[in-house]
Amino acid sequence: MKKITRVRVDLNDPSSFPKGFVDKKLVDATSERLIKLHQQQDDADAMLDAAKYAKGVRERIGLSQQEFSKRIEVSLETIRNWEQGKRSPTGAAKALLKILDRAPEIALLALSV
């Protein structure tokens, strides 16, 4: 069982803030340039996560990139871009990948009709 700890914080009273969560000196020393670099790294990591996810879905289904592109009616180039982290699936494509991941047989059957 997880232990839940509740903390009351008064935003007008910094002494009520939990200790050890924020290094104020480090925060104050962080430049806009460093923040931008961190954001870029986070974005790159998210692209890699999306690429691994797209590739993992395709591999779990057991299809080649070409077969997968035909089955889901997405260009082969798009599949390659997803898996190489050049692009991320969005909108309907992202939803379709989730469905293919959770219920591949049903999704592929629906796509074949």
Protein backbone atom coordinates (compact mmCIF):
# COMPACT_ATOMS: atom_id res chain seq x y z
CA MET A 1 0.00 0.00 0.00
CA LYS A 2 1.30 3.45 -0.90
CA LYS A 3 1.81 5.93 1.86
CA ILE A 4 0.20 9.31 1.19
CA THR A 5 1.62 12.39 2.83
CA ARG A 6 -0.36 15.60 2.73
CA VAL A 7 1.36 18.92 3.08
CA ARG A 8 -0.24 22.31 3.63
CA VAL A 9 1.49 25.15 1.90
CA ASP A 10 0.75 28.83 2.34
CA LEU A 11 1.98 30.57 -0.80
CA ASN A 12 2.46 33.78 1.20
CA ASP A 13 4.68 32.03 3.73
CA PRO A 14 7.84 30.49 2.22
CA SER A 15 8.65 28.85 5.56
CA SER A 16 5.61 26.57 5.01
CA PHE A 17 7.10 25.14 1.80
CA PRO A 18 8.34 21.54 2.05
CA LYS A 19 12.09 21.35 2.49
CA GLY A 20 14.39 19.77 -0.07
CA PHE A 21 12.25 20.09 -3.17
CA VAL A 22 13.74 23.23 -4.73
CA ASP A 23 17.30 24.50 -4.70
CA LYS A 24 16.60 28.24 -4.81
CA LYS A 25 20.21 29.11 -5.62
CA LEU A 26 20.18 26.74 -8.59
CA VAL A 27 16.86 28.14 -9.80
CA ASP A 28 18.12 31.71 -9.49
CA ALA A 29 21.33 30.79 -11.34
CA THR A 30 19.47 29.21 -14.26
CA SER A 31 19.68 31.41 -17.33
CA GLU A 32 17.10 31.73 -20.11
CA ARG A 33 19.64 30.12 -22.45
CA LEU A 34 19.94 27.08 -20.18
CA ILE A 35 16.16 26.82 -19.88
CA LYS A 36 15.89 26.86 -23.68
CA LEU A 37 18.53 24.11 -23.94
CA HIS A 38 16.60 21.98 -21.43
CA GLN A 39 13.38 22.51 -23.41
CA GLN A 40 15.12 21.45 -26.62
CA GLN A 41 16.46 18.33 -24.91
CA ASP A 42 13.01 17.51 -23.53
CA ASP A 43 11.52 17.90 -27.02
CA ALA A 44 14.20 15.65 -28.51
CA ASP A 45 13.58 13.03 -25.81
CA ALA A 46 9.83 13.17 -26.51
CA MET A 47 10.49 12.60 -30.23
CA LEU A 48 12.62 9.56 -29.42
CA ASP A 49 9.92 8.21 -27.10
CA ALA A 50 7.33 8.62 -29.86
CA ALA A 51 9.68 6.92 -32.33
CA LYS A 52 10.22 3.95 -30.00
CA TYR A 53 6.49 3.70 -29.38
CA ALA A 54 5.58 3.72 -33.10
CA LYS A 55 8.23 1.15 -33.90
CA GLY A 56 7.25 -1.00 -30.92
CA VAL A 57 3.60 -1.07 -31.98
CA ARG A 58 4.55 -2.11 -35.50
CA GLU A 59 6.97 -4.79 -34.28
CA ARG A 60 4.47 -6.24 -31.76
CA ILE A 61 1.99 -6.63 -34.60
CA GLY A 62 4.73 -8.37 -36.59
CA LEU A 63 4.62 -6.27 -39.75
CA SER A 64 7.39 -4.74 -41.83
CA GLN A 65 7.34 -1.00 -42.32
CA GLN A 66 5.95 -1.49 -45.81
CA GLU A 67 3.21 -3.90 -44.68
CA PHE A 68 2.32 -1.61 -41.77
CA SER A 69 2.07 1.44 -44.02
CA LYS A 70 -0.31 -0.39 -46.35
CA ARG A 71 -2.47 -1.76 -43.51
CA ILE A 72 -2.95 1.62 -41.82
CA GLU A 73 -2.96 3.59 -45.09
CA VAL A 74 -0.09 5.86 -44.15
CA SER A 75 2.83 6.44 -46.50
CA LEU A 76 5.97 4.38 -46.02
CA GLU A 77 7.95 7.62 -45.75
CA THR A 78 5.75 8.73 -42.84
CA ILE A 79 6.28 5.42 -41.02
CA ARG A 80 10.03 5.78 -41.49
CA ASN A 81 9.97 9.37 -40.26
CA TRP A 82 8.05 8.31 -37.15
CA GLU A 83 10.43 5.48 -36.36
CA GLN A 84 13.55 7.58 -36.97
CA GLY A 85 12.28 10.35 -34.71
CA LYS A 86 12.10 12.90 -37.53
CA ARG A 87 8.35 13.33 -37.04
CA SER A 88 5.82 12.33 -34.39
CA PRO A 89 2.39 10.89 -35.03
CA THR A 90 -0.31 13.36 -34.04
CA GLY A 91 -4.08 13.50 -33.99
CA ALA A 92 -5.80 10.55 -35.63
CA ALA A 93 -2.51 8.75 -36.31
CA LYS A 94 -1.55 8.91 -32.64
CA ALA A 95 -4.99 7.60 -31.65
CA LEU A 96 -4.73 4.80 -34.21
CA LEU A 97 -1.36 3.73 -32.81
CA LYS A 98 -2.87 3.55 -29.32
CA ILE A 99 -5.72 1.39 -30.60
CA LEU A 100 -3.30 -0.83 -32.54
CA ASP A 101 -1.21 -1.18 -29.39
CA ARG A 102 -4.11 -2.18 -27.13
CA ALA A 103 -6.35 -4.13 -29.52
CA PRO A 104 -4.35 -4.98 -32.65
CA GLU A 105 -6.61 -7.75 -33.94
CA ILE A 106 -9.75 -5.63 -33.77
CA ALA A 107 -8.01 -2.57 -35.20
CA LEU A 108 -6.53 -4.47 -38.13
CA LEU A 109 -9.86 -6.15 -38.79
CA ALA A 110 -11.64 -2.79 -38.81
CA LEU A 111 -9.02 -1.37 -41.18
CA SER A 112 -9.39 -4.28 -43.60
CA VAL A 113 -13.14 -3.79 -44.17
